[in-house]
Amino acid sequence: MNELVLYSGLMVLAAFISSVSQIMLKKSSQKTYPSRIREYLNPLVIIAYGMFFGCTLLSMYGLKVVPLLFSPILESTGYIFVAVFSYIVFKEKLTKRQLIGMGLILTGIAVGALSN
């Protein structure tokens, strides 16, 4: 397998994990806690921030091979993941505008992949 494809996949995986952690943080924010400290020091929040940290490491590792120019293109997949997870987990509606935006993101990724 091409090294660039492998490392690009790592960066998309990092965006996926980051999206999951964002959903976890939103889920945690919808709960009521007995104190301010419990709001921030609960397992869901701690795990989500740990996942964010891991995503940063994965992205940095991916940038060893992936050109910096493609990093924002690959990380934009996170917007798609968050929208889909919000639809699944929180039953949020996907608007026509969001669907068009997701299509544009996917088109941009395809154009970026073909230009390399």
PDB file of N, CA and C in Angstrom:
ATOM      1  N   MET A   1       0.844  -1.178   0.000  1.00  0.00           N
ATOM      2  CA  MET A   1       0.000   0.000   0.000  1.00  0.00           C
ATOM      3  C   MET A   1       0.887   1.239   0.000  1.00  0.00           C
ATOM      4  N   ASN A   2       0.454   2.215  -0.730  1.00  0.00           N
ATOM      5  CA  ASN A   2       1.201   3.458  -0.829  1.00  0.00           C
ATOM      6  C   ASN A   2       1.291   4.120   0.555  1.00  0.00           C
ATOM      7  N   GLU A   3       2.477   4.571   0.898  1.00  0.00           N
ATOM      8  CA  GLU A   3       2.712   5.178   2.210  1.00  0.00           C
ATOM      9  C   GLU A   3       1.841   6.417   2.422  1.00  0.00           C
ATOM     10  N   LEU A   4       1.661   7.222   1.373  1.00  0.00           N
ATOM     11  CA  LEU A   4       0.845   8.425   1.477  1.00  0.00           C
ATOM     12  C   LEU A   4      -0.608   8.070   1.806  1.00  0.00           C
ATOM     13  N   VAL A   5      -1.116   7.022   1.184  1.00  0.00           N
ATOM     14  CA  VAL A   5      -2.496   6.597   1.443  1.00  0.00           C
ATOM     15  C   VAL A   5      -2.640   6.137   2.895  1.00  0.00           C
ATOM     16  N   LEU A   6      -1.676   5.387   3.375  1.00  0.00           N
ATOM     17  CA  LEU A   6      -1.710   4.895   4.747  1.00  0.00           C
ATOM     18  C   LEU A   6      -1.712   6.052   5.752  1.00  0.00           C
ATOM     19  N   TYR A   7      -0.826   6.990   5.565  1.00  0.00           N
ATOM     20  CA  TYR A   7      -0.730   8.114   6.497  1.00  0.00           C
ATOM     21  C   TYR A   7      -1.928   9.059   6.357  1.00  0.00           C
ATOM     22  N   SER A   8      -2.464   9.170   5.159  1.00  0.00           N
ATOM     23  CA  SER A   8      -3.688   9.963   4.973  1.00  0.00           C
ATOM     24  C   SER A   8      -4.842   9.298   5.713  1.00  0.00           C
ATOM     25  N   GLY A   9      -4.896   7.980   5.653  1.00  0.00           N
ATOM     26  CA  GLY A   9      -5.906   7.234   6.398  1.00  0.00           C
ATOM     27  C   GLY A   9      -5.793   7.470   7.896  1.00  0.00           C
ATOM     28  N   LEU A  10      -4.567   7.572   8.393  1.00  0.00           N
ATOM     29  CA  LEU A  10      -4.360   7.877   9.821  1.00  0.00           C
ATOM     30  C   LEU A  10      -4.938   9.238  10.183  1.00  0.00           C
ATOM     31  N   MET A  11      -4.760  10.184   9.278  1.00  0.00           N
ATOM     32  CA  MET A  11      -5.273  11.526   9.558  1.00  0.00           C
ATOM     33  C   MET A  11      -6.804  11.550   9.520  1.00  0.00           C
ATOM     34  N   VAL A  12      -7.399  10.790   8.625  1.00  0.00           N
ATOM     35  CA  VAL A  12      -8.860  10.696   8.586  1.00  0.00           C
ATOM     36  C   VAL A  12      -9.364   9.970   9.833  1.00  0.00           C
ATOM     37  N   LEU A  13      -8.631   8.942  10.261  1.00  0.00           N
ATOM     38  CA  LEU A  13      -8.976   8.243  11.503  1.00  0.00           C
ATOM     39  C   LEU A  13      -8.929   9.205  12.691  1.00  0.00           C
ATOM     40  N   ALA A  14      -7.936  10.075  12.708  1.00  0.00           N
ATOM     41  CA  ALA A  14      -7.830  11.073  13.780  1.00  0.00           C
ATOM     42  C   ALA A  14      -9.040  12.004  13.751  1.00  0.00           C
ATOM     43  N   ALA A  15      -9.482  12.409  12.568  1.00  0.00           N
ATOM     44  CA  ALA A  15     -10.669  13.270  12.456  1.00  0.00           C
ATOM     45  C   ALA A  15     -11.912  12.521  12.936  1.00  0.00           C
ATOM     46  N   PHE A  16     -11.987  11.230  12.639  1.00  0.00           N
ATOM     47  CA  PHE A  16     -13.116  10.402  13.077  1.00  0.00           C
ATOM     48  C   PHE A  16     -13.158  10.314  14.602  1.00  0.00           C
ATOM     49  N   ILE A  17     -12.017  10.006  15.203  1.00  0.00           N
ATOM     50  CA  ILE A  17     -11.951   9.882  16.662  1.00  0.00           C
ATOM     51  C   ILE A  17     -12.245  11.229  17.323  1.00  0.00           C
ATOM     52  N   SER A  18     -11.744  12.299  16.740  1.00  0.00           N
ATOM     53  CA  SER A  18     -12.014  13.636  17.258  1.00  0.00           C
ATOM     54  C   SER A  18     -13.509  13.941  17.224  1.00  0.00           C
ATOM     55  N   SER A  19     -14.170  13.518  16.160  1.00  0.00           N
ATOM     56  CA  SER A  19     -15.620  13.730  16.044  1.00  0.00           C
ATOM     57  C   SER A  19     -16.381  12.952  17.113  1.00  0.00           C
ATOM     58  N   VAL A  20     -15.937  11.733  17.360  1.00  0.00           N
ATOM     59  CA  VAL A  20     -16.569  10.925  18.421  1.00  0.00           C
ATOM     60  C   VAL A  20     -16.403  11.622  19.768  1.00  0.00           C
ATOM     61  N   SER A  21     -15.215  12.152  20.017  1.00  0.00           N
ATOM     62  CA  SER A  21     -14.988  12.815  21.304  1.00  0.00           C
ATOM     63  C   SER A  21     -15.821  14.090  21.424  1.00  0.00           C
ATOM     64  N   GLN A  22     -16.048  14.796  20.324  1.00  0.00           N
ATOM     65  CA  GLN A  22     -16.909  15.981  20.370  1.00  0.00           C
ATOM     66  C   GLN A  22     -18.344  15.606  20.732  1.00  0.00           C
ATOM     67  N   ILE A  23     -18.803  14.502  20.173  1.00  0.00           N
ATOM     68  CA  ILE A  23     -20.152  14.030  20.495  1.00  0.00           C
ATOM     69  C   ILE A  23     -20.222  13.634  21.969  1.00  0.00           C
ATOM     70  N   MET A  24     -19.157  13.000  22.470  1.00  0.00           N
ATOM     71  CA  MET A  24     -19.124  12.631  23.889  1.00  0.00           C
ATOM     72  C   MET A  24     -19.203  13.865  24.779  1.00  0.00           C
ATOM     73  N   LEU A  25     -18.495  14.933  24.401  1.00  0.00           N
ATOM     74  CA  LEU A  25     -18.522  16.164  25.192  1.00  0.00           C
ATOM     75  C   LEU A  25     -19.909  16.803  25.166  1.00  0.00           C
ATOM     76  N   LYS A  26     -20.559  16.785  24.013  1.00  0.00           N
ATOM     77  CA  LYS A  26     -21.907  17.348  23.938  1.00  0.00           C
ATOM     78  C   LYS A  26     -22.870  16.526  24.790  1.00  0.00           C
ATOM     79  N   LYS A  27     -22.729  15.203  24.718  1.00  0.00           N
ATOM     80  CA  LYS A  27     -23.576  14.319  25.521  1.00  0.00           C
ATOM     81  C   LYS A  27     -23.383  14.629  27.015  1.00  0.00           C
ATOM     82  N   SER A  28     -22.144  14.823  27.411  1.00  0.00           N
ATOM     83  CA  SER A  28     -21.836  15.131  28.807  1.00  0.00           C
ATOM     84  C   SER A  28     -22.411  16.487  29.219  1.00  0.00           C
ATOM     85  N   SER A  29     -22.398  17.446  28.301  1.00  0.00           N
ATOM     86  CA  SER A  29     -22.897  18.790  28.637  1.00  0.00           C
ATOM     87  C   SER A  29     -24.409  18.819  28.816  1.00  0.00           C
ATOM     88  N   GLN A  30     -25.094  17.802  28.347  1.00  0.00           N
ATOM     89  CA  GLN A  30     -26.550  17.765  28.481  1.00  0.00           C
ATOM     90  C   GLN A  30     -27.007  17.194  29.820  1.00  0.00           C
ATOM     91  N   LYS A  31     -26.062  16.720  30.606  1.00  0.00           N
ATOM     92  CA  LYS A  31     -26.399  16.166  31.916  1.00  0.00           C
ATOM     93  C   LYS A  31     -26.276  17.244  32.987  1.00  0.00           C
ATOM     94  N   THR A  32     -26.958  17.037  34.086  1.00  0.00           N
ATOM     95  CA  THR A  32     -26.851  17.937  35.226  1.00  0.00           C
ATOM     96  C   THR A  32     -25.935  17.288  36.261  1.00  0.00           C
ATOM     97  N   TYR A  33     -25.010  18.090  36.786  1.00  0.00           N
ATOM     98  CA  TYR A  33     -24.036  17.578  37.752  1.00  0.00           C
ATOM     99  C   TYR A  33     -24.210  18.295  39.083  1.00  0.00           C
ATOM    100  N   PRO A  34     -23.893  17.614  40.186  1.00  0.00           N
ATOM    101  CA  PRO A  34     -24.079  18.218  41.515  1.00  0.00           C
ATOM    102  C   PRO A  34     -23.147  19.393  41.797  1.00  0.00           C
ATOM    103  N   SER A  35     -22.005  19.454  41.105  1.00  0.00           N
ATOM    104  CA  SER A  35     -21.078  20.560  41.357  1.00  0.00           C
ATOM    105  C   SER A  35     -20.333  20.906  40.068  1.00  0.00           C
ATOM    106  N   ARG A  36     -19.734  22.085  40.079  1.00  0.00           N
ATOM    107  CA  ARG A  36     -18.960  22.546  38.912  1.00  0.00           C
ATOM    108  C   ARG A  36     -17.783  21.611  38.622  1.00  0.00           C
ATOM    109  N   ILE A  37     -17.136  21.151  39.651  1.00  0.00           N
ATOM    110  CA  ILE A  37     -15.971  20.290  39.483  1.00  0.00           C
ATOM    111  C   ILE A  37     -16.368  18.960  38.842  1.00  0.00           C
ATOM    112  N   ARG A  38     -17.539  18.464  39.207  1.00  0.00           N
ATOM    113  CA  ARG A  38     -18.035  17.194  38.631  1.00  0.00           C
ATOM    114  C   ARG A  38     -18.372  17.359  37.154  1.00  0.00           C
ATOM    115  N   GLU A  39     -18.714  18.593  36.790  1.00  0.00           N
ATOM    116  CA  GLU A  39     -19.036  18.885  35.398  1.00  0.00           C
ATOM    117  C   GLU A  39     -17.839  18.608  34.489  1.00  0.00           C
ATOM    118  N   TYR A  40     -16.667  18.917  34.990  1.00  0.00           N
ATOM    119  CA  TYR A  40     -15.447  18.784  34.191  1.00  0.00           C
ATOM    120  C   TYR A  40     -14.642  17.538  34.525  1.00  0.00           C
ATOM    121  N   LEU A  41     -14.820  17.006  35.694  1.00  0.00           N
ATOM    122  CA  LEU A  41     -14.065  15.818  36.093  1.00  0.00           C
ATOM    123  C   LEU A  41     -14.995  14.611  36.198  1.00  0.00           C
ATOM    124  N   ASN A  42     -15.536  14.216  35.078  1.00  0.00           N
ATOM    125  CA  ASN A  42     -16.324  12.993  35.022  1.00  0.00           C
ATOM    126  C   ASN A  42     -15.734  12.119  33.925  1.00  0.00           C
ATOM    127  N   PRO A  43     -15.960  10.842  33.961  1.00  0.00           N
ATOM    128  CA  PRO A  43     -15.303   9.923  33.030  1.00  0.00           C
ATOM    129  C   PRO A  43     -15.500  10.274  31.553  1.00  0.00           C
ATOM    130  N   LEU A  44     -16.698  10.706  31.184  1.00  0.00           N
ATOM    131  CA  LEU A  44     -16.972  11.014  29.780  1.00  0.00           C
ATOM    132  C   LEU A  44     -16.102  12.163  29.283  1.00  0.00           C
ATOM    133  N   VAL A  45     -15.983  13.192  30.076  1.00  0.00           N
ATOM    134  CA  VAL A  45     -15.180  14.365  29.697  1.00  0.00           C
ATOM    135  C   VAL A  45     -13.699  14.013  29.673  1.00  0.00           C
ATOM    136  N   ILE A  46     -13.242  13.299  30.664  1.00  0.00           N
ATOM    137  CA  ILE A  46     -11.822  12.939  30.731  1.00  0.00           C
ATOM    138  C   ILE A  46     -11.439  12.048  29.554  1.00  0.00           C
ATOM    139  N   ILE A  47     -12.279  11.076  29.236  1.00  0.00           N
ATOM    140  CA  ILE A  47     -12.004  10.189  28.095  1.00  0.00           C
ATOM    141  C   ILE A  47     -12.023  10.987  26.790  1.00  0.00           C
ATOM    142  N   ALA A  48     -12.993  11.891  26.648  1.00  0.00           N
ATOM    143  CA  ALA A  48     -13.095  12.693  25.416  1.00  0.00           C
ATOM    144  C   ALA A  48     -11.840  13.546  25.220  1.00  0.00           C
ATOM    145  N   TYR A  49     -11.367  14.184  26.268  1.00  0.00           N
ATOM    146  CA  TYR A  49     -10.156  14.994  26.130  1.00  0.00           C
ATOM    147  C   TYR A  49      -8.922  14.126  25.898  1.00  0.00           C
ATOM    148  N   GLY A  50      -8.909  12.943  26.473  1.00  0.00           N
ATOM    149  CA  GLY A  50      -7.824  12.006  26.182  1.00  0.00           C
ATOM    150  C   GLY A  50      -7.825  11.605  24.709  1.00  0.00           C
ATOM    151  N   MET A  51      -9.028  11.425  24.168  1.00  0.00           N
ATOM    152  CA  MET A  51      -9.141  11.095  22.746  1.00  0.00           C
ATOM    153  C   MET A  51      -8.656  12.254  21.877  1.00  0.00           C
ATOM    154  N   PHE A  52      -8.992  13.492  22.277  1.00  0.00           N
ATOM    155  CA  PHE A  52      -8.488  14.666  21.550  1.00  0.00           C
ATOM    156  C   PHE A  52      -6.963  14.673  21.521  1.00  0.00           C
ATOM    157  N   PHE A  53      -6.367  14.375  22.647  1.00  0.00           N
ATOM    158  CA  PHE A  53      -4.908  14.338  22.736  1.00  0.00           C
ATOM    159  C   PHE A  53      -4.353  13.268  21.798  1.00  0.00           C
ATOM    160  N   GLY A  54      -4.971  12.094  21.802  1.00  0.00           N
ATOM    161  CA  GLY A  54      -4.542  11.024  20.904  1.00  0.00           C
ATOM    162  C   GLY A  54      -4.686  11.417  19.439  1.00  0.00           C
ATOM    163  N   CYS A  55      -5.737  12.150  19.126  1.00  0.00           N
ATOM    164  CA  CYS A  55      -5.941  12.612  17.746  1.00  0.00           C
ATOM    165  C   CYS A  55      -4.832  13.562  17.312  1.00  0.00           C
ATOM    166  N   THR A  56      -4.421  14.404  18.234  1.00  0.00           N
ATOM    167  CA  THR A  56      -3.326  15.319  17.926  1.00  0.00           C
ATOM    168  C   THR A  56      -2.054  14.542  17.605  1.00  0.00           C
ATOM    169  N   LEU A  57      -1.772  13.518  18.400  1.00  0.00           N
ATOM    170  CA  LEU A  57      -0.587  12.695  18.141  1.00  0.00           C
ATOM    171  C   LEU A  57      -0.693  11.967  16.801  1.00  0.00           C
ATOM    172  N   LEU A  58      -1.880  11.426  16.506  1.00  0.00           N
ATOM    173  CA  LEU A  58      -2.081  10.743  15.227  1.00  0.00           C
ATOM    174  C   LEU A  58      -1.890  11.700  14.051  1.00  0.00           C
ATOM    175  N   SER A  59      -2.428  12.896  14.177  1.00  0.00           N
ATOM    176  CA  SER A  59      -2.277  13.890  13.110  1.00  0.00           C
ATOM    177  C   SER A  59      -0.819  14.279  12.909  1.00  0.00           C
ATOM    178  N   MET A  60      -0.117  14.468  14.005  1.00  0.00           N
ATOM    179  CA  MET A  60       1.310  14.816  13.909  1.00  0.00           C
ATOM    180  C   MET A  60       2.095  13.695  13.248  1.00  0.00           C
ATOM    181  N   TYR A  61       1.758  12.482  13.589  1.00  0.00           N
ATOM    182  CA  TYR A  61       2.414  11.324  12.996  1.00  0.00           C
ATOM    183  C   TYR A  61       2.090  11.250  11.502  1.00  0.00           C
ATOM    184  N   GLY A  62       0.841  11.518  11.150  1.00  0.00           N
ATOM    185  CA  GLY A  62       0.440  11.496   9.746  1.00  0.00           C
ATOM    186  C   GLY A  62       1.151  12.553   8.927  1.00  0.00           C
ATOM    187  N   LEU A  63       1.452  13.685   9.550  1.00  0.00           N
ATOM    188  CA  LEU A  63       2.122  14.772   8.832  1.00  0.00           C
ATOM    189  C   LEU A  63       3.587  14.472   8.527  1.00  0.00           C
ATOM    190  N   LYS A  64       4.084  13.344   9.036  1.00  0.00           N
ATOM    191  CA  LYS A  64       5.450  12.944   8.673  1.00  0.00           C
ATOM    192  C   LYS A  64       5.529  12.642   7.185  1.00  0.00           C
ATOM    193  N   VAL A  65       4.412  12.185   6.599  1.00  0.00           N
ATOM    194  CA  VAL A  65       4.394  11.796   5.190  1.00  0.00           C
ATOM    195  C   VAL A  65       3.445  12.665   4.364  1.00  0.00           C
ATOM    196  N   VAL A  66       2.276  12.991   4.940  1.00  0.00           N
ATOM    197  CA  VAL A  66       1.277  13.759   4.207  1.00  0.00           C
ATOM    198  C   VAL A  66       1.742  15.219   4.113  1.00  0.00           C
ATOM    199  N   PRO A  67       1.728  15.785   2.898  1.00  0.00           N
ATOM    200  CA  PRO A  67       2.105  17.195   2.766  1.00  0.00           C
ATOM    201  C   PRO A  67       1.169  18.099   3.572  1.00  0.00           C
ATOM    202  N   LEU A  68       1.717  19.133   4.150  1.00  0.00           N
ATOM    203  CA  LEU A  68       0.958  20.056   4.990  1.00  0.00           C
ATOM    204  C   LEU A  68      -0.225  20.649   4.230  1.00  0.00           C
ATOM    205  N   LEU A  69      -0.106  20.795   2.940  1.00  0.00           N
ATOM    206  CA  LEU A  69      -1.166  21.332   2.101  1.00  0.00           C
ATOM    207  C   LEU A  69      -2.439  20.491   2.192  1.00  0.00           C
ATOM    208  N   PHE A  70      -2.313  19.180   2.367  1.00  0.00           N
ATOM    209  CA  PHE A  70      -3.466  18.285   2.389  1.00  0.00           C
ATOM    210  C   PHE A  70      -4.064  18.097   3.777  1.00  0.00           C
ATOM    211  N   SER A  71      -3.398  18.562   4.794  1.00  0.00           N
ATOM    212  CA  SER A  71      -3.894  18.384   6.161  1.00  0.00           C
ATOM    213  C   SER A  71      -5.288  18.980   6.368  1.00  0.00           C
ATOM    214  N   PRO A  72      -5.528  20.243   5.976  1.00  0.00           N
ATOM    215  CA  PRO A  72      -6.886  20.784   6.177  1.00  0.00           C
ATOM    216  C   PRO A  72      -7.939  20.037   5.357  1.00  0.00           C
ATOM    217  N   ILE A  73      -7.545  19.543   4.200  1.00  0.00           N
ATOM    218  CA  ILE A  73      -8.483  18.805   3.349  1.00  0.00           C
ATOM    219  C   ILE A  73      -8.915  17.523   4.053  1.00  0.00           C
ATOM    220  N   LEU A  74      -7.958  16.791   4.605  1.00  0.00           N
ATOM    221  CA  LEU A  74      -8.277  15.540   5.279  1.00  0.00           C
ATOM    222  C   LEU A  74      -9.018  15.763   6.588  1.00  0.00           C
ATOM    223  N   GLU A  75      -8.648  16.794   7.308  1.00  0.00           N
ATOM    224  CA  GLU A  75      -9.284  17.059   8.593  1.00  0.00           C
ATOM    225  C   GLU A  75     -10.706  17.590   8.435  1.00  0.00           C
ATOM    226  N   SER A  76     -11.043  18.083   7.244  1.00  0.00           N
ATOM    227  CA  SER A  76     -12.404  18.565   7.020  1.00  0.00           C
ATOM    228  C   SER A  76     -13.422  17.422   7.024  1.00  0.00           C
ATOM    229  N   THR A  77     -12.954  16.187   6.952  1.00  0.00           N
ATOM    230  CA  THR A  77     -13.874  15.055   7.050  1.00  0.00           C
ATOM    231  C   THR A  77     -14.542  15.034   8.425  1.00  0.00           C
ATOM    232  N   GLY A  78     -13.917  15.664   9.398  1.00  0.00           N
ATOM    233  CA  GLY A  78     -14.497  15.747  10.739  1.00  0.00           C
ATOM    234  C   GLY A  78     -15.863  16.421  10.728  1.00  0.00           C
ATOM    235  N   TYR A  79     -16.056  17.420   9.851  1.00  0.00           N
ATOM    236  CA  TYR A  79     -17.359  18.082   9.759  1.00  0.00           C
ATOM    237  C   TYR A  79     -18.432  17.092   9.322  1.00  0.00           C
ATOM    238  N   ILE A  80     -18.081  16.205   8.421  1.00  0.00           N
ATOM    239  CA  ILE A  80     -19.034  15.203   7.949  1.00  0.00           C
ATOM    240  C   ILE A  80     -19.344  14.219   9.071  1.00  0.00           C
ATOM    241  N   PHE A  81     -18.297  13.747   9.742  1.00  0.00           N
ATOM    242  CA  PHE A  81     -18.500  12.794  10.828  1.00  0.00           C
ATOM    243  C   PHE A  81     -19.381  13.375  11.935  1.00  0.00           C
ATOM    244  N   VAL A  82     -19.127  14.630  12.326  1.00  0.00           N
ATOM    245  CA  VAL A  82     -19.903  15.249  13.395  1.00  0.00           C
ATOM    246  C   VAL A  82     -21.365  15.389  12.977  1.00  0.00           C
ATOM    247  N   ALA A  83     -21.606  15.798  11.748  1.00  0.00           N
ATOM    248  CA  ALA A  83     -22.987  15.949  11.280  1.00  0.00           C
ATOM    249  C   ALA A  83     -23.718  14.607  11.285  1.00  0.00           C
ATOM    250  N   VAL A  84     -23.050  13.569  10.816  1.00  0.00           N
ATOM    251  CA  VAL A  84     -23.675  12.243  10.778  1.00  0.00           C
ATOM    252  C   VAL A  84     -23.917  11.715  12.191  1.00  0.00           C
ATOM    253  N   PHE A  85     -22.936  11.864  13.071  1.00  0.00           N
ATOM    254  CA  PHE A  85     -23.102  11.402  14.453  1.00  0.00           C
ATOM    255  C   PHE A  85     -24.203  12.183  15.167  1.00  0.00           C
ATOM    256  N   SER A  86     -24.297  13.492  14.894  1.00  0.00           N
ATOM    257  CA  SER A  86     -25.354  14.294  15.506  1.00  0.00           C
ATOM    258  C   SER A  86     -26.721  13.816  15.044  1.00  0.00           C
ATOM    259  N   TYR A  87     -26.804  13.439  13.793  1.00  0.00           N
ATOM    260  CA  TYR A  87     -28.051  12.897  13.254  1.00  0.00           C
ATOM    261  C   TYR A  87     -28.406  11.576  13.946  1.00  0.00           C
ATOM    262  N   ILE A  88     -27.401  10.719  14.121  1.00  0.00           N
ATOM    263  CA  ILE A  88     -27.640   9.398  14.715  1.00  0.00           C
ATOM    264  C   ILE A  88     -27.886   9.484  16.222  1.00  0.00           C
ATOM    265  N   VAL A  89     -27.021  10.189  16.930  1.00  0.00           N
ATOM    266  CA  VAL A  89     -27.067  10.195  18.394  1.00  0.00           C
ATOM    267  C   VAL A  89     -28.120  11.161  18.942  1.00  0.00           C
ATOM    268  N   PHE A  90     -28.163  12.381  18.391  1.00  0.00           N
ATOM    269  CA  PHE A  90     -29.043  13.405  18.943  1.00  0.00           C
ATOM    270  C   PHE A  90     -30.304  13.626  18.111  1.00  0.00           C
ATOM    271  N   LYS A  91     -30.449  12.870  17.046  1.00  0.00           N
ATOM    272  CA  LYS A  91     -31.616  12.985  16.157  1.00  0.00           C
ATOM    273  C   LYS A  91     -31.753  14.397  15.573  1.00  0.00           C
ATOM    274  N   GLU A  92     -30.613  15.067  15.354  1.00  0.00           N
ATOM    275  CA  GLU A  92     -30.638  16.386  14.734  1.00  0.00           C
ATOM    276  C   GLU A  92     -30.878  16.229  13.242  1.00  0.00           C
ATOM    277  N   LYS A  93     -31.639  17.137  12.681  1.00  0.00           N
ATOM    278  CA  LYS A  93     -31.941  17.061  11.254  1.00  0.00           C
ATOM    279  C   LYS A  93     -30.760  17.568  10.441  1.00  0.00           C
ATOM    280  N   LEU A  94     -30.544  16.918   9.304  1.00  0.00           N
ATOM    281  CA  LEU A  94     -29.542  17.395   8.354  1.00  0.00           C
ATOM    282  C   LEU A  94     -30.262  18.288   7.350  1.00  0.00           C
ATOM    283  N   THR A  95     -29.837  19.538   7.287  1.00  0.00           N
ATOM    284  CA  THR A  95     -30.478  20.472   6.368  1.00  0.00           C
ATOM    285  C   THR A  95     -29.909  20.308   4.966  1.00  0.00           C
ATOM    286  N   LYS A  96     -30.622  20.864   4.027  1.00  0.00           N
ATOM    287  CA  LYS A  96     -30.169  20.832   2.633  1.00  0.00           C
ATOM    288  C   LYS A  96     -28.802  21.515   2.498  1.00  0.00           C
ATOM    289  N   ARG A  97     -28.647  22.587   3.223  1.00  0.00           N
ATOM    290  CA  ARG A  97     -27.383  23.329   3.206  1.00  0.00           C
ATOM    291  C   ARG A  97     -26.214  22.472   3.725  1.00  0.00           C
ATOM    292  N   GLN A  98     -26.472  21.728   4.800  1.00  0.00           N
ATOM    293  CA  GLN A  98     -25.437  20.855   5.361  1.00  0.00           C
ATOM    294  C   GLN A  98     -25.072  19.748   4.372  1.00  0.00           C
ATOM    295  N   LEU A  99     -26.074  19.176   3.725  1.00  0.00           N
ATOM    296  CA  LEU A  99     -25.812  18.120   2.748  1.00  0.00           C
ATOM    297  C   LEU A  99     -25.000  18.650   1.570  1.00  0.00           C
ATOM    298  N   ILE A 100     -25.318  19.858   1.127  1.00  0.00           N
ATOM    299  CA  ILE A 100     -24.541  20.474   0.045  1.00  0.00           C
ATOM    300  C   ILE A 100     -23.108  20.705   0.515  1.00  0.00           C
ATOM    301  N   GLY A 101     -22.952  21.184   1.748  1.00  0.00           N
ATOM    302  CA  GLY A 101     -21.614  21.400   2.308  1.00  0.00           C
ATOM    303  C   GLY A 101     -20.809  20.115   2.385  1.00  0.00           C
ATOM    304  N   MET A 102     -21.469  19.026   2.806  1.00  0.00           N
ATOM    305  CA  MET A 102     -20.777  17.728   2.868  1.00  0.00           C
ATOM    306  C   MET A 102     -20.358  17.276   1.476  1.00  0.00           C
ATOM    307  N   GLY A 103     -21.227  17.510   0.504  1.00  0.00           N
ATOM    308  CA  GLY A 103     -20.888  17.163  -0.875  1.00  0.00           C
ATOM    309  C   GLY A 103     -19.684  17.950  -1.370  1.00  0.00           C
ATOM    310  N   LEU A 104     -19.633  19.228  -1.006  1.00  0.00           N
ATOM    311  CA  LEU A 104     -18.486  20.063  -1.401  1.00  0.00           C
ATOM    312  C   LEU A 104     -17.196  19.594  -0.733  1.00  0.00           C
ATOM    313  N   ILE A 105     -17.310  19.203   0.523  1.00  0.00           N
ATOM    314  CA  ILE A 105     -16.129  18.692   1.222  1.00  0.00           C
ATOM    315  C   ILE A 105     -15.619  17.430   0.535  1.00  0.00           C
ATOM    316  N   LEU A 106     -16.528  16.517   0.225  1.00  0.00           N
ATOM    317  CA  LEU A 106     -16.126  15.270  -0.450  1.00  0.00           C
ATOM    318  C   LEU A 106     -15.542  15.552  -1.831  1.00  0.00           C
ATOM    319  N   THR A 107     -16.126  16.529  -2.538  1.00  0.00           N
ATOM    320  CA  THR A 107     -15.587  16.907  -3.846  1.00  0.00           C
ATOM    321  C   THR A 107     -14.176  17.477  -3.692  1.00  0.00           C
ATOM    322  N   GLY A 108     -13.991  18.314  -2.687  1.00  0.00           N
ATOM    323  CA  GLY A 108     -12.651  18.871  -2.433  1.00  0.00           C
ATOM    324  C   GLY A 108     -11.635  17.810  -2.114  1.00  0.00           C
ATOM    325  N   ILE A 109     -12.028  16.810  -1.350  1.00  0.00           N
ATOM    326  CA  ILE A 109     -11.118  15.705  -1.014  1.00  0.00           C
ATOM    327  C   ILE A 109     -10.760  14.931  -2.285  1.00  0.00           C
ATOM    328  N   ALA A 110     -11.763  14.679  -3.122  1.00  0.00           N
ATOM    329  CA  ALA A 110     -11.519  13.957  -4.381  1.00  0.00           C
ATOM    330  C   ALA A 110     -10.584  14.750  -5.289  1.00  0.00           C
ATOM    331  N   VAL A 111     -10.810  16.043  -5.405  1.00  0.00           N
ATOM    332  CA  VAL A 111      -9.955  16.889  -6.240  1.00  0.00           C
ATOM    333  C   VAL A 111      -8.523  16.884  -5.685  1.00  0.00           C
ATOM    334  N   GLY A 112      -8.400  17.010  -4.365  1.00  0.00           N
ATOM    335  CA  GLY A 112      -7.074  16.969  -3.740  1.00  0.00           C
ATOM    336  C   GLY A 112      -6.370  15.657  -3.955  1.00  0.00           C
ATOM    337  N   ALA A 113      -7.127  14.563  -3.874  1.00  0.00           N
ATOM    338  CA  ALA A 113      -6.524  13.237  -4.078  1.00  0.00           C
ATOM    339  C   ALA A 113      -6.085  13.046  -5.524  1.00  0.00           C
ATOM    340  N   LEU A 114      -6.882  13.533  -6.456  1.00  0.00           N
ATOM    341  CA  LEU A 114      -6.543  13.373  -7.867  1.00  0.00           C
ATOM    342  C   LEU A 114      -5.393  14.290  -8.300  1.00  0.00           C
ATOM    343  N   SER A 115      -5.233  15.415  -7.615  1.00  0.00           N
ATOM    344  CA  SER A 115      -4.152  16.331  -7.987  1.00  0.00           C
ATOM    345  C   SER A 115      -2.794  15.843  -7.526  1.00  0.00           C
ATOM    346  N   ASN A 116      -2.787  14.890  -6.609  1.00  0.00           N
ATOM    347  CA  ASN A 116      -1.510  14.372  -6.098  1.00  0.00           C
ATOM    348  C   ASN A 116      -1.109  13.224  -6.914  1.00  0.00           C
TER     349      ASN A 116
END
